Every structure is written in structure tokens, then in C-alpha cells.
Amino acid sequence: MNKLFKNLMFVALIGAAASCGSHTDDECANDIDVSDVKVNAPIVRLDNEMFEYKKDAASFTKFMDKYPLFSEVFLQRKHTSEDEILCQHMVKLLNSPYLDTLHTETENYFGNLADVQSDLNKAFAHIKYYYPNFQEPKVYSMVSGFSTDVFVSDSMVVIGLDHFLREHTRYKPQMLPDYIQRRMVRSSIVPMIAMTTSNKYSAQSPDPADMLANMISWGQTYYFMKKVMPCTPDSVIIGYTGQEMKEVEENKAVIWKHFVNQKLFFTNDHFVTTKYIGERPHTFEIGEKCPGRIGRWLGWQIVKKYAEDRKLSLPEVMKLNNAKQVFEEAKYKP
């Protein structure tokens, strides 16, 4: 059963990841016209401006006064005596050679962020098309010292650009495994924002031990992402390399058979569910080349079939809250 996955040849991750960044006309075939949807979400480049306020605590207080939303929501400014401690910490951080190097590397690699801004505007326009009451959040970029990749709240998005430098920096996030680091590229910034934004529209909050509920919930998340970023390759949406995506598509019957034979769909064993839903480099139970999080991918296929067969709108899909019903009525089988 595992022969197909186990005998597949290794493909360099860098080359595969690079191949994920482009899209084809077929991927955009079902795109909707959002040209009349007005979006106003300029990325405010705090990754540059913060360094202008690194002289002392008084100087950084001026920065916080200038950007109250960022300071209160992200930096957690409290307008108390604790602010002095916060300012001193930030000044020390901004003056460290480590962060100064990351700042220079970020500026050199990302330039004016025109590509990220363009992708963000398109994604927000699509969200606004499906959800007319959607209010674009304030968007800030910064150098976080690898403390933040993407932060999303109802009112604000913060992008830690240094997390997406990959081979363009001499430093690496110490607590992030290599198999996660390799998908932290600039083309994944906006998909990560879309993924987190989807949470506000989801009707599900599954028990971590419930395999099927988690599969369908993640399926809704990826369905949302694909709808608001229709020209983005599936590999970028889910965070697989191009080669991993190809292998999964070619072996989807193997994956399905494994879930059926092992009676995985209705398990409530937290340990088992985590093996197929959680972060892992590979799903070794299926095969050495089967990527991790394969249960999420399978849930995406089930949700997609259920939605397309019934011609549901995106809001209707996100309101689905009966995972068993979706699974049984989708009748998905590769």
C-alpha cells in the first residue's frame, strides 16, 4: 500500500518551493471580477520607521504615540508605568547588532513590497466581494527578531518580514523546525493572512481529538483561502512543495484507502488525530514521502466536492458545522 510513496525520488526542497510561486491560466479560470471592489490597505513599513526611534525610551514613546493601534494591540502598551519598561526593552532590541543585520537583510530582499501589496489587495478585494461588510485591517510590516511571522486581529495585521527571508539571512529562527522554515517564503505571506482571517467566518471550533471535525474545519479554511486567492497554486495554499503536491495528487487513492482501512475518520483519539492533522515533516504511517498534515488536505477535498456539487457560496461553506453530514453527503472517493 505504501509502495508508491516510499519509492518516489527525493526532489530538492528549494527547487520545489521555487516552483510553487507561479500560477497558470487554469488556476485562474474560475476567478471572479473584483475590479469594482475598492480596497484600502497600504502596508505601513514599520520595519524601517521603528529604527528611527531607537535613541532612548522617550524617543520610542513618540513612536507609540504615533501608532497607537499597533502599540496597544501588538506591543500591548497599557498607558501605565509599565510603558517605561516596554520602551526600554524595545530600544535595547532595536539597537542590537542582531536586529540591525536583520533589518538590512530585510530591506535588501523585500524592497518596496510591491508584490506582497498587490497580492494582499487582491485577497482583500475577494474577501470583500464575498463579505461586503469586511473592513480592511491596518497592515504593518516589521522586523521582529523572529518573534512574529503573521499576527492578525479584527483591526490589524502585522507581518514579521524577517521570518520570510529564508536563504537571504545569516540567521535562522531557532525554535522552528526546518520542514516548517522551508515554506516560510514571501509568496506565503498573504496566504497566511488569508488563513488566519478565515477563522472569523468559520462556524466550527472542533475538539482537538475529533479527526473528522478537524479535517472538515481545515478543509473549510483551505477552501476559503483558495476562493480569496484563486490564482495561488494549491501547493502554496496548503504549504507543500510543488513535488509534494504532485505526489499527493498521484497517490490520493492510497491516502483514502489508508484512512478507510485504519478506520481513522471517526476516531477521537487525540494522539492519532495529531498524527494526521498536526505539524509533522511526513505522515510516515502512509509512506516516507507522504507530507505531514495529510488529514487537512483530505478534508479540503471533501469540502470542495460537497460545496461544488451543491454550488454553495463561500459564506454558505463557512457556515457548515456538521462534519459528519458533510463527509457522508459529499460522497468523496478518489
C-alpha atoms as a PDB file:
ATOM      1  CA  MET A   1       0.000   0.000   0.000  1.00  0.00           C
ATOM      2  CA  ASN A   2       2.895   2.370   0.706  1.00  0.00           C
ATOM      3  CA  LYS A   3       4.988   1.423  -2.296  1.00  0.00           C
ATOM      4  CA  LEU A   4       4.139   4.463  -4.392  1.00  0.00           C
ATOM      5  CA  PHE A   5       5.100   6.965  -1.702  1.00  0.00           C
ATOM      6  CA  LYS A   6       8.121   5.104  -0.445  1.00  0.00           C
ATOM      7  CA  ASN A   7       9.776   4.722  -3.851  1.00  0.00           C
ATOM      8  CA  LEU A   8       9.332   8.302  -5.028  1.00  0.00           C
ATOM      9  CA  MET A   9      12.611  10.075  -5.677  1.00  0.00           C
ATOM     10  CA  PHE A  10      13.726  12.952  -3.466  1.00  0.00           C
ATOM     11  CA  VAL A  11      13.457  16.376  -5.056  1.00  0.00           C
ATOM     12  CA  ALA A  12      15.404  19.327  -3.665  1.00  0.00           C
ATOM     13  CA  LEU A  13      13.132  21.410  -1.451  1.00  0.00           C
ATOM     14  CA  ILE A  14      14.497  24.706  -2.651  1.00  0.00           C
ATOM     15  CA  GLY A  15      13.766  23.951  -6.274  1.00  0.00           C
ATOM     16  CA  ALA A  16      10.347  22.612  -5.474  1.00  0.00           C
ATOM     17  CA  ALA A  17       9.458  25.572  -3.297  1.00  0.00           C
ATOM     18  CA  ALA A  18      10.540  27.966  -6.025  1.00  0.00           C
ATOM     19  CA  SER A  19       8.194  26.207  -8.445  1.00  0.00           C
ATOM     20  CA  CYS A  20       5.254  26.938  -6.117  1.00  0.00           C
ATOM     21  CA  GLY A  21       5.385  30.673  -6.614  1.00  0.00           C
ATOM     22  CA  SER A  22       3.943  30.843 -10.118  1.00  0.00           C
ATOM     23  CA  HIS A  23       0.445  30.165 -11.350  1.00  0.00           C
ATOM     24  CA  THR A  24      -1.148  29.020 -14.589  1.00  0.00           C
ATOM     25  CA  ASP A  25      -4.146  30.283 -16.507  1.00  0.00           C
ATOM     26  CA  ASP A  26      -6.060  27.158 -15.457  1.00  0.00           C
ATOM     27  CA  GLU A  27      -5.702  28.106 -11.804  1.00  0.00           C
ATOM     28  CA  CYS A  28      -7.269  31.493 -12.529  1.00  0.00           C
ATOM     29  CA  ALA A  29     -10.052  30.128 -14.733  1.00  0.00           C
ATOM     30  CA  ASN A  30     -12.702  30.411 -12.019  1.00  0.00           C
ATOM     31  CA  ASP A  31     -11.647  33.823 -10.761  1.00  0.00           C
ATOM     32  CA  ILE A  32     -14.356  36.395 -10.205  1.00  0.00           C
ATOM     33  CA  ASP A  33     -14.296  40.028 -11.306  1.00  0.00           C
ATOM     34  CA  VAL A  34     -13.364  42.177  -8.327  1.00  0.00           C
ATOM     35  CA  SER A  35     -12.254  45.212 -10.329  1.00  0.00           C
ATOM     36  CA  ASP A  36     -15.068  47.317  -8.873  1.00  0.00           C
ATOM     37  CA  VAL A  37     -14.301  46.351  -5.268  1.00  0.00           C
ATOM     38  CA  LYS A  38     -12.460  49.182  -3.551  1.00  0.00           C
ATOM     39  CA  VAL A  39      -9.709  48.229  -1.122  1.00  0.00           C
ATOM     40  CA  ASN A  40      -7.571  50.490   1.037  1.00  0.00           C
ATOM     41  CA  ALA A  41      -4.937  48.560   2.964  1.00  0.00           C
ATOM     42  CA  PRO A  42      -1.478  50.020   2.369  1.00  0.00           C
ATOM     43  CA  ILE A  43       1.341  48.220   4.157  1.00  0.00           C
ATOM     44  CA  VAL A  44       2.894  50.646   6.651  1.00  0.00           C
ATOM     45  CA  ARG A  45       6.632  49.930   6.686  1.00  0.00           C
ATOM     46  CA  LEU A  46       7.416  49.931  10.383  1.00  0.00           C
ATOM     47  CA  ASP A  47      10.346  47.645   9.576  1.00  0.00           C
ATOM     48  CA  ASN A  48      12.080  50.851   8.514  1.00  0.00           C
ATOM     49  CA  GLU A  49      10.443  53.507  10.672  1.00  0.00           C
ATOM     50  CA  MET A  50      10.859  51.801  14.046  1.00  0.00           C
ATOM     51  CA  PHE A  51      14.632  52.160  13.766  1.00  0.00           C
ATOM     52  CA  GLU A  52      14.273  55.942  13.656  1.00  0.00           C
ATOM     53  CA  TYR A  53      13.046  55.863  17.282  1.00  0.00           C
ATOM     54  CA  LYS A  54      15.793  53.805  18.904  1.00  0.00           C
ATOM     55  CA  LYS A  55      17.705  56.596  20.684  1.00  0.00           C
ATOM     56  CA  ASP A  56      16.061  56.205  24.097  1.00  0.00           C
ATOM     57  CA  ALA A  57      12.775  55.415  25.870  1.00  0.00           C
ATOM     58  CA  ALA A  58      11.444  58.921  25.344  1.00  0.00           C
ATOM     59  CA  SER A  59      12.066  58.607  21.628  1.00  0.00           C
ATOM     60  CA  PHE A  60      10.260  55.280  21.402  1.00  0.00           C
ATOM     61  CA  THR A  61       7.344  56.720  23.356  1.00  0.00           C
ATOM     62  CA  LYS A  62       6.878  59.119  20.429  1.00  0.00           C
ATOM     63  CA  PHE A  63       6.704  56.128  18.108  1.00  0.00           C
ATOM     64  CA  MET A  64       3.989  54.548  20.246  1.00  0.00           C
ATOM     65  CA  ASP A  65       2.066  57.813  20.300  1.00  0.00           C
ATOM     66  CA  LYS A  66       2.258  57.943  16.507  1.00  0.00           C
ATOM     67  CA  TYR A  67       0.975  54.371  16.092  1.00  0.00           C
ATOM     68  CA  PRO A  68      -1.483  53.808  18.960  1.00  0.00           C
ATOM     69  CA  LEU A  69      -3.269  50.819  17.402  1.00  0.00           C
ATOM     70  CA  PHE A  70      -0.032  48.937  16.781  1.00  0.00           C
ATOM     71  CA  SER A  71       1.302  49.841  20.207  1.00  0.00           C
ATOM     72  CA  GLU A  72      -1.799  48.887  22.152  1.00  0.00           C
ATOM     73  CA  VAL A  73      -2.835  45.746  20.263  1.00  0.00           C
ATOM     74  CA  PHE A  74       0.533  44.309  19.256  1.00  0.00           C
ATOM     75  CA  LEU A  75       3.052  45.752  21.716  1.00  0.00           C
ATOM     76  CA  GLN A  76       0.388  45.709  24.453  1.00  0.00           C
ATOM     77  CA  ARG A  77       1.002  49.239  25.644  1.00  0.00           C
ATOM     78  CA  LYS A  78      -1.038  49.836  28.781  1.00  0.00           C
ATOM     79  CA  HIS A  79      -0.539  53.593  29.352  1.00  0.00           C
ATOM     80  CA  THR A  80       0.840  52.856  32.813  1.00  0.00           C
ATOM     81  CA  SER A  81       4.244  52.917  34.456  1.00  0.00           C
ATOM     82  CA  GLU A  82       4.924  49.607  32.689  1.00  0.00           C
ATOM     83  CA  ASP A  83       5.299  51.541  29.427  1.00  0.00           C
ATOM     84  CA  GLU A  84       8.754  52.669  30.538  1.00  0.00           C
ATOM     85  CA  ILE A  85       9.867  49.036  30.797  1.00  0.00           C
ATOM     86  CA  LEU A  86       8.368  48.292  27.393  1.00  0.00           C
ATOM     87  CA  CYS A  87      10.154  51.254  25.811  1.00  0.00           C
ATOM     88  CA  GLN A  88      13.494  50.311  27.344  1.00  0.00           C
ATOM     89  CA  HIS A  89      13.112  46.768  26.066  1.00  0.00           C
ATOM     90  CA  MET A  90      12.280  47.938  22.543  1.00  0.00           C
ATOM     91  CA  VAL A  91      15.166  50.419  22.468  1.00  0.00           C
ATOM     92  CA  LYS A  92      17.585  47.698  23.548  1.00  0.00           C
ATOM     93  CA  LEU A  93      16.220  45.368  20.876  1.00  0.00           C
ATOM     94  CA  LEU A  94      16.374  47.980  18.114  1.00  0.00           C
ATOM     95  CA  ASN A  95      19.989  48.778  18.983  1.00  0.00           C
ATOM     96  CA  SER A  96      21.177  45.171  18.920  1.00  0.00           C
ATOM     97  CA  PRO A  97      23.559  44.247  16.056  1.00  0.00           C
ATOM     98  CA  TYR A  98      21.433  41.138  15.519  1.00  0.00           C
ATOM     99  CA  LEU A  99      18.264  43.087  14.723  1.00  0.00           C
ATOM    100  CA  ASP A 100      20.203  45.705  12.772  1.00  0.00           C
ATOM    101  CA  THR A 101      21.510  42.937  10.499  1.00  0.00           C
ATOM    102  CA  LEU A 102      18.024  41.503  10.045  1.00  0.00           C
ATOM    103  CA  HIS A 103      16.781  44.993   9.200  1.00  0.00           C
ATOM    104  CA  THR A 104      19.414  45.421   6.484  1.00  0.00           C
ATOM    105  CA  GLU A 105      18.749  41.955   5.060  1.00  0.00           C
ATOM    106  CA  THR A 106      15.010  42.591   5.062  1.00  0.00           C
ATOM    107  CA  GLU A 107      15.376  45.921   3.278  1.00  0.00           C
ATOM    108  CA  ASN A 108      17.697  44.414   0.670  1.00  0.00           C
ATOM    109  CA  TYR A 109      15.496  41.409  -0.056  1.00  0.00           C
ATOM    110  CA  PHE A 110      11.962  42.790   0.117  1.00  0.00           C
ATOM    111  CA  GLY A 111      12.495  46.166  -1.500  1.00  0.00           C
ATOM    112  CA  ASN A 112       9.249  48.110  -1.809  1.00  0.00           C
ATOM    113  CA  LEU A 113       6.988  45.084  -1.141  1.00  0.00           C
ATOM    114  CA  ALA A 114       5.030  45.793  -4.331  1.00  0.00           C
ATOM    115  CA  ASP A 115       4.334  42.103  -4.981  1.00  0.00           C
ATOM    116  CA  VAL A 116       3.094  41.464  -1.446  1.00  0.00           C
ATOM    117  CA  GLN A 117       0.950  44.605  -1.539  1.00  0.00           C
ATOM    118  CA  SER A 118      -0.590  43.541  -4.853  1.00  0.00           C
ATOM    119  CA  ASP A 119      -1.423  40.040  -3.570  1.00  0.00           C
ATOM    120  CA  LEU A 120      -2.849  41.493  -0.368  1.00  0.00           C
ATOM    121  CA  ASN A 121      -5.092  43.942  -2.225  1.00  0.00           C
ATOM    122  CA  LYS A 122      -6.447  41.137  -4.412  1.00  0.00           C
ATOM    123  CA  ALA A 123      -7.113  38.876  -1.434  1.00  0.00           C
ATOM    124  CA  PHE A 124      -8.895  41.622   0.499  1.00  0.00           C
ATOM    125  CA  ALA A 125     -10.929  42.526  -2.583  1.00  0.00           C
ATOM    126  CA  HIS A 126     -12.084  38.916  -2.882  1.00  0.00           C
ATOM    127  CA  ILE A 127     -12.976  38.751   0.805  1.00  0.00           C
ATOM    128  CA  LYS A 128     -14.945  41.969   0.436  1.00  0.00           C
ATOM    129  CA  TYR A 129     -16.736  40.544  -2.605  1.00  0.00           C
ATOM    130  CA  TYR A 130     -17.970  37.557  -0.594  1.00  0.00           C
ATOM    131  CA  TYR A 131     -18.398  39.504   2.650  1.00  0.00           C
ATOM    132  CA  PRO A 132     -19.401  43.097   1.762  1.00  0.00           C
ATOM    133  CA  ASN A 133     -19.166  44.185   5.411  1.00  0.00           C
ATOM    134  CA  PHE A 134     -15.497  43.207   5.611  1.00  0.00           C
ATOM    135  CA  GLN A 135     -13.385  46.106   6.841  1.00  0.00           C
ATOM    136  CA  GLU A 136      -9.772  46.090   5.739  1.00  0.00           C
ATOM    137  CA  PRO A 137      -7.481  45.991   8.767  1.00  0.00           C
ATOM    138  CA  LYS A 138      -4.492  48.259   9.225  1.00  0.00           C
ATOM    139  CA  VAL A 139      -1.444  46.432   7.887  1.00  0.00           C
ATOM    140  CA  TYR A 140       2.048  46.892   9.294  1.00  0.00           C
ATOM    141  CA  SER A 141       5.359  45.252   8.432  1.00  0.00           C
ATOM    142  CA  MET A 142       8.196  44.995  10.924  1.00  0.00           C
ATOM    143  CA  VAL A 143      11.426  43.223  11.803  1.00  0.00           C
ATOM    144  CA  SER A 144      10.506  41.168  14.855  1.00  0.00           C
ATOM    145  CA  GLY A 145      13.690  39.231  15.564  1.00  0.00           C
ATOM    146  CA  PHE A 146      11.787  36.069  14.561  1.00  0.00           C
ATOM    147  CA  SER A 147       9.233  36.595  17.333  1.00  0.00           C
ATOM    148  CA  THR A 148       6.302  37.041  14.913  1.00  0.00           C
ATOM    149  CA  ASP A 149       5.561  35.720  11.434  1.00  0.00           C
ATOM    150  CA  VAL A 150       1.987  36.935  10.878  1.00  0.00           C
ATOM    151  CA  PHE A 151      -0.302  38.443  13.517  1.00  0.00           C
ATOM    152  CA  VAL A 152      -3.952  39.015  12.621  1.00  0.00           C
ATOM    153  CA  SER A 153      -6.701  40.645  14.646  1.00  0.00           C
ATOM    154  CA  ASP A 154     -10.012  42.178  13.568  1.00  0.00           C
ATOM    155  CA  SER A 155      -8.401  45.589  13.256  1.00  0.00           C
ATOM    156  CA  MET A 156      -4.792  44.905  12.389  1.00  0.00           C
ATOM    157  CA  VAL A 157      -2.302  42.695  10.545  1.00  0.00           C
ATOM    158  CA  VAL A 158       1.394  42.612  11.446  1.00  0.00           C
ATOM    159  CA  ILE A 159       3.901  40.933   9.132  1.00  0.00           C
ATOM    160  CA  GLY A 160       7.260  39.944  10.617  1.00  0.00           C
ATOM    161  CA  LEU A 161       9.215  40.139   7.370  1.00  0.00           C
ATOM    162  CA  ASP A 162      12.378  38.590   8.803  1.00  0.00           C
ATOM    163  CA  HIS A 163      10.525  35.278   9.189  1.00  0.00           C
ATOM    164  CA  PHE A 164      10.282  35.097   5.394  1.00  0.00           C
ATOM    165  CA  LEU A 165      13.911  35.775   4.478  1.00  0.00           C
ATOM    166  CA  ARG A 166      14.844  32.093   4.126  1.00  0.00           C
ATOM    167  CA  GLU A 167      18.279  31.847   2.491  1.00  0.00           C
ATOM    168  CA  HIS A 168      18.567  35.636   2.356  1.00  0.00           C
ATOM    169  CA  THR A 169      19.661  35.911   6.003  1.00  0.00           C
ATOM    170  CA  ARG A 170      22.577  34.612   8.022  1.00  0.00           C
ATOM    171  CA  TYR A 171      20.244  33.927  10.942  1.00  0.00           C
ATOM    172  CA  LYS A 172      17.523  31.314  11.343  1.00  0.00           C
ATOM    173  CA  PRO A 173      14.606  31.013  13.768  1.00  0.00           C
ATOM    174  CA  GLN A 174      15.970  28.726  16.475  1.00  0.00           C
ATOM    175  CA  MET A 175      12.683  27.158  17.577  1.00  0.00           C
ATOM    176  CA  LEU A 176      11.248  26.488  14.102  1.00  0.00           C
ATOM    177  CA  PRO A 177      11.902  23.078  12.501  1.00  0.00           C
ATOM    178  CA  ASP A 178      13.488  23.049   9.043  1.00  0.00           C
ATOM    179  CA  TYR A 179      10.420  21.478   7.415  1.00  0.00           C
ATOM    180  CA  ILE A 180       8.356  24.495   8.529  1.00  0.00           C
ATOM    181  CA  GLN A 181      11.057  27.063   7.757  1.00  0.00           C
ATOM    182  CA  ARG A 182      11.302  25.932   4.149  1.00  0.00           C
ATOM    183  CA  ARG A 183       7.725  27.065   3.440  1.00  0.00           C
ATOM    184  CA  MET A 184       8.228  30.487   5.040  1.00  0.00           C
ATOM    185  CA  VAL A 185       8.776  32.359   1.775  1.00  0.00           C
ATOM    186  CA  ARG A 186       7.494  35.717   0.571  1.00  0.00           C
ATOM    187  CA  SER A 187       4.799  34.069  -1.569  1.00  0.00           C
ATOM    188  CA  SER A 188       3.326  32.530   1.606  1.00  0.00           C
ATOM    189  CA  ILE A 189       2.796  35.839   3.450  1.00  0.00           C
ATOM    190  CA  VAL A 190      -0.632  36.685   2.057  1.00  0.00           C
ATOM    191  CA  PRO A 191      -1.904  33.072   2.182  1.00  0.00           C
ATOM    192  CA  MET A 192      -1.025  33.040   5.886  1.00  0.00           C
ATOM    193  CA  ILE A 193      -3.003  36.255   6.376  1.00  0.00           C
ATOM    194  CA  ALA A 194      -5.952  34.767   4.476  1.00  0.00           C
ATOM    195  CA  MET A 195      -5.760  31.562   6.526  1.00  0.00           C
ATOM    196  CA  THR A 196      -5.948  33.420   9.835  1.00  0.00           C
ATOM    197  CA  THR A 197      -8.657  35.763   8.544  1.00  0.00           C
ATOM    198  CA  SER A 198     -10.823  32.752   7.667  1.00  0.00           C
ATOM    199  CA  ASN A 199     -11.234  31.990  11.377  1.00  0.00           C
ATOM    200  CA  LYS A 200     -13.652  34.890  11.875  1.00  0.00           C
ATOM    201  CA  TYR A 201     -16.026  33.381   9.301  1.00  0.00           C
ATOM    202  CA  SER A 202     -15.848  29.750  10.411  1.00  0.00           C
ATOM    203  CA  ALA A 203     -18.741  28.178  12.300  1.00  0.00           C
ATOM    204  CA  GLN A 204     -16.579  25.335  13.574  1.00  0.00           C
ATOM    205  CA  SER A 205     -14.392  25.095  16.652  1.00  0.00           C
ATOM    206  CA  PRO A 206     -13.602  21.385  16.747  1.00  0.00           C
ATOM    207  CA  ASP A 207     -12.405  19.285  19.645  1.00  0.00           C
ATOM    208  CA  PRO A 208      -8.673  18.658  19.001  1.00  0.00           C
ATOM    209  CA  ALA A 209      -9.268  14.907  19.365  1.00  0.00           C
ATOM    210  CA  ASP A 210     -12.057  14.714  16.768  1.00  0.00           C
ATOM    211  CA  MET A 211     -10.426  13.633  13.496  1.00  0.00           C
ATOM    212  CA  LEU A 212     -13.345  14.275  11.157  1.00  0.00           C
ATOM    213  CA  ALA A 213     -14.294  17.632  12.668  1.00  0.00           C
ATOM    214  CA  ASN A 214     -10.700  18.825  12.332  1.00  0.00           C
ATOM    215  CA  MET A 215     -10.457  17.551   8.766  1.00  0.00           C
ATOM    216  CA  ILE A 216     -13.601  19.404   7.712  1.00  0.00           C
ATOM    217  CA  SER A 217     -12.663  22.551   9.633  1.00  0.00           C
ATOM    218  CA  TRP A 218      -9.266  22.686   7.915  1.00  0.00           C
ATOM    219  CA  GLY A 219     -10.983  21.876   4.637  1.00  0.00           C
ATOM    220  CA  GLN A 220     -13.144  24.965   5.065  1.00  0.00           C
ATOM    221  CA  THR A 221     -10.037  27.023   5.834  1.00  0.00           C
ATOM    222  CA  TYR A 222      -8.251  25.966   2.647  1.00  0.00           C
ATOM    223  CA  TYR A 223     -11.456  26.344   0.645  1.00  0.00           C
ATOM    224  CA  PHE A 224     -11.718  29.922   1.918  1.00  0.00           C
ATOM    225  CA  MET A 225      -8.078  30.618   1.043  1.00  0.00           C
ATOM    226  CA  LYS A 226      -8.456  29.279  -2.477  1.00  0.00           C
ATOM    227  CA  LYS A 227     -11.611  31.323  -3.057  1.00  0.00           C
ATOM    228  CA  VAL A 228      -9.983  34.588  -1.980  1.00  0.00           C
ATOM    229  CA  MET A 229      -6.677  33.752  -3.714  1.00  0.00           C
ATOM    230  CA  PRO A 230      -7.892  31.765  -6.743  1.00  0.00           C
ATOM    231  CA  CYS A 231      -4.689  32.181  -8.767  1.00  0.00           C
ATOM    232  CA  THR A 232      -2.495  30.851  -5.965  1.00  0.00           C
ATOM    233  CA  PRO A 233      -1.292  27.264  -6.508  1.00  0.00           C
ATOM    234  CA  ASP A 234      -2.774  24.654  -4.190  1.00  0.00           C
ATOM    235  CA  SER A 235       0.762  23.848  -3.019  1.00  0.00           C
ATOM    236  CA  VAL A 236       1.187  27.376  -1.644  1.00  0.00           C
ATOM    237  CA  ILE A 237      -2.282  27.334  -0.078  1.00  0.00           C
ATOM    238  CA  ILE A 238      -1.515  24.237   1.980  1.00  0.00           C
ATOM    239  CA  GLY A 239       2.228  24.790   2.372  1.00  0.00           C
ATOM    240  CA  TYR A 240       3.507  21.792   0.409  1.00  0.00           C
ATOM    241  CA  THR A 241       6.291  21.892  -2.139  1.00  0.00           C
ATOM    242  CA  GLY A 242       5.295  21.545  -5.772  1.00  0.00           C
ATOM    243  CA  GLN A 243       6.679  17.996  -5.765  1.00  0.00           C
ATOM    244  CA  GLU A 244       4.803  17.054  -2.601  1.00  0.00           C
ATOM    245  CA  MET A 245       1.574  18.343  -4.134  1.00  0.00           C
ATOM    246  CA  LYS A 246       2.163  16.290  -7.277  1.00  0.00           C
ATOM    247  CA  GLU A 247       2.843  13.144  -5.241  1.00  0.00           C
ATOM    248  CA  VAL A 248      -0.274  13.639  -3.130  1.00  0.00           C
ATOM    249  CA  GLU A 249      -2.467  14.086  -6.214  1.00  0.00           C
ATOM    250  CA  GLU A 250      -0.983  10.994  -7.850  1.00  0.00           C
ATOM    251  CA  ASN A 251      -1.495   8.908  -4.710  1.00  0.00           C
ATOM    252  CA  LYS A 252      -4.797  10.208  -3.389  1.00  0.00           C
ATOM    253  CA  ALA A 253      -6.351   6.738  -3.708  1.00  0.00           C
ATOM    254  CA  VAL A 254      -3.576   5.363  -1.467  1.00  0.00           C
ATOM    255  CA  ILE A 255      -4.277   8.079   1.111  1.00  0.00           C
ATOM    256  CA  TRP A 256      -8.011   7.429   1.026  1.00  0.00           C
ATOM    257  CA  LYS A 257      -7.557   3.667   1.367  1.00  0.00           C
ATOM    258  CA  HIS A 258      -5.309   4.167   4.389  1.00  0.00           C
ATOM    259  CA  PHE A 259      -7.920   6.300   6.170  1.00  0.00           C
ATOM    260  CA  VAL A 260     -10.623   3.728   5.412  1.00  0.00           C
ATOM    261  CA  ASN A 261      -8.591   0.656   6.369  1.00  0.00           C
ATOM    262  CA  GLN A 262      -7.344   2.215   9.615  1.00  0.00           C
ATOM    263  CA  LYS A 263     -10.848   3.498  10.498  1.00  0.00           C
ATOM    264  CA  LEU A 264      -9.470   6.991  11.001  1.00  0.00           C
ATOM    265  CA  PHE A 265     -12.399   9.200  10.027  1.00  0.00           C
ATOM    266  CA  PHE A 266     -14.352   8.734  13.261  1.00  0.00           C
ATOM    267  CA  THR A 267     -11.525   8.414  15.744  1.00  0.00           C
ATOM    268  CA  ASN A 268     -11.495  10.591  18.835  1.00  0.00           C
ATOM    269  CA  ASP A 269      -8.014   9.568  19.900  1.00  0.00           C
ATOM    270  CA  HIS A 270      -6.070  12.830  20.307  1.00  0.00           C
ATOM    271  CA  PHE A 271      -2.717  11.128  19.699  1.00  0.00           C
ATOM    272  CA  VAL A 272      -3.902   9.539  16.435  1.00  0.00           C
ATOM    273  CA  THR A 273      -5.635  12.698  15.220  1.00  0.00           C
ATOM    274  CA  THR A 274      -2.494  14.757  15.809  1.00  0.00           C
ATOM    275  CA  LYS A 275      -0.502  12.367  13.600  1.00  0.00           C
ATOM    276  CA  TYR A 276      -2.656  13.222  10.599  1.00  0.00           C
ATOM    277  CA  ILE A 277      -3.705  16.808  11.362  1.00  0.00           C
ATOM    278  CA  GLY A 278      -0.771  18.282  13.269  1.00  0.00           C
ATOM    279  CA  GLU A 279       2.592  19.560  12.090  1.00  0.00           C
ATOM    280  CA  ARG A 280       4.958  16.772  11.062  1.00  0.00           C
ATOM    281  CA  PRO A 281       7.544  16.554   8.259  1.00  0.00           C
ATOM    282  CA  HIS A 282       5.887  13.393   6.887  1.00  0.00           C
ATOM    283  CA  THR A 283       2.936  11.120   7.566  1.00  0.00           C
ATOM    284  CA  PHE A 284       5.102   8.048   7.986  1.00  0.00           C
ATOM    285  CA  GLU A 285       2.098   5.821   8.659  1.00  0.00           C
ATOM    286  CA  ILE A 286       1.187   6.172   4.964  1.00  0.00           C
ATOM    287  CA  GLY A 287       4.661   6.426   3.487  1.00  0.00           C
ATOM    288  CA  GLU A 288       8.053   8.076   3.805  1.00  0.00           C
ATOM    289  CA  LYS A 289       7.264  10.671   1.147  1.00  0.00           C
ATOM    290  CA  CYS A 290       3.709  11.437   2.259  1.00  0.00           C
ATOM    291  CA  PRO A 291       3.797  15.010   3.632  1.00  0.00           C
ATOM    292  CA  GLY A 292       2.530  15.913   7.064  1.00  0.00           C
ATOM    293  CA  ARG A 293      -0.916  17.377   7.746  1.00  0.00           C
ATOM    294  CA  ILE A 294      -2.381  15.000   5.162  1.00  0.00           C
ATOM    295  CA  GLY A 295      -5.679  14.870   7.039  1.00  0.00           C
ATOM    296  CA  ARG A 296      -6.105  18.582   6.390  1.00  0.00           C
ATOM    297  CA  TRP A 297      -5.562  18.053   2.663  1.00  0.00           C
ATOM    298  CA  LEU A 298      -8.101  15.220   2.595  1.00  0.00           C
ATOM    299  CA  GLY A 299     -10.613  17.369   4.455  1.00  0.00           C
ATOM    300  CA  TRP A 300     -10.119  20.067   1.804  1.00  0.00           C
ATOM    301  CA  GLN A 301     -11.017  17.601  -0.961  1.00  0.00           C
ATOM    302  CA  ILE A 302     -14.162  16.522   0.876  1.00  0.00           C
ATOM    303  CA  VAL A 303     -15.316  20.097   1.498  1.00  0.00           C
ATOM    304  CA  LYS A 304     -14.561  21.081  -2.083  1.00  0.00           C
ATOM    305  CA  LYS A 305     -16.645  18.240  -3.506  1.00  0.00           C
ATOM    306  CA  TYR A 306     -19.523  18.928  -1.115  1.00  0.00           C
ATOM    307  CA  ALA A 307     -19.510  22.648  -1.978  1.00  0.00           C
ATOM    308  CA  GLU A 308     -19.125  22.255  -5.740  1.00  0.00           C
ATOM    309  CA  ASP A 309     -21.804  19.574  -6.057  1.00  0.00           C
ATOM    310  CA  ARG A 310     -24.253  21.900  -4.315  1.00  0.00           C
ATOM    311  CA  LYS A 311     -22.951  25.131  -5.837  1.00  0.00           C
ATOM    312  CA  LEU A 312     -22.639  26.711  -2.400  1.00  0.00           C
ATOM    313  CA  SER A 313     -21.389  30.245  -1.905  1.00  0.00           C
ATOM    314  CA  LEU A 314     -18.302  30.831   0.209  1.00  0.00           C
ATOM    315  CA  PRO A 315     -20.328  32.148   3.184  1.00  0.00           C
ATOM    316  CA  GLU A 316     -22.543  29.046   2.988  1.00  0.00           C
ATOM    317  CA  VAL A 317     -19.488  26.783   3.055  1.00  0.00           C
ATOM    318  CA  MET A 318     -18.005  28.589   6.042  1.00  0.00           C
ATOM    319  CA  LYS A 319     -21.283  28.214   7.959  1.00  0.00           C
ATOM    320  CA  LEU A 320     -21.246  24.413   7.714  1.00  0.00           C
ATOM    321  CA  ASN A 321     -20.963  22.981  11.220  1.00  0.00           C
ATOM    322  CA  ASN A 322     -21.886  19.308  10.877  1.00  0.00           C
ATOM    323  CA  ALA A 323     -18.710  17.499   9.850  1.00  0.00           C
ATOM    324  CA  LYS A 324     -20.377  14.077   9.709  1.00  0.00           C
ATOM    325  CA  GLN A 325     -23.066  15.350   7.372  1.00  0.00           C
ATOM    326  CA  VAL A 326     -20.527  16.987   5.062  1.00  0.00           C
ATOM    327  CA  PHE A 327     -18.429  13.811   4.989  1.00  0.00           C
ATOM    328  CA  GLU A 328     -21.327  11.461   4.294  1.00  0.00           C
ATOM    329  CA  GLU A 329     -23.167  13.612   1.755  1.00  0.00           C
ATOM    330  CA  ALA A 330     -20.032  14.662  -0.137  1.00  0.00           C
ATOM    331  CA  LYS A 331     -19.530  11.013  -1.161  1.00  0.00           C
ATOM    332  CA  TYR A 332     -15.914  11.842  -1.938  1.00  0.00           C
ATOM    333  CA  LYS A 333     -13.862   8.871  -3.122  1.00  0.00           C
ATOM    334  CA  PRO A 334     -10.810   9.243  -5.371  1.00  0.00           C
END
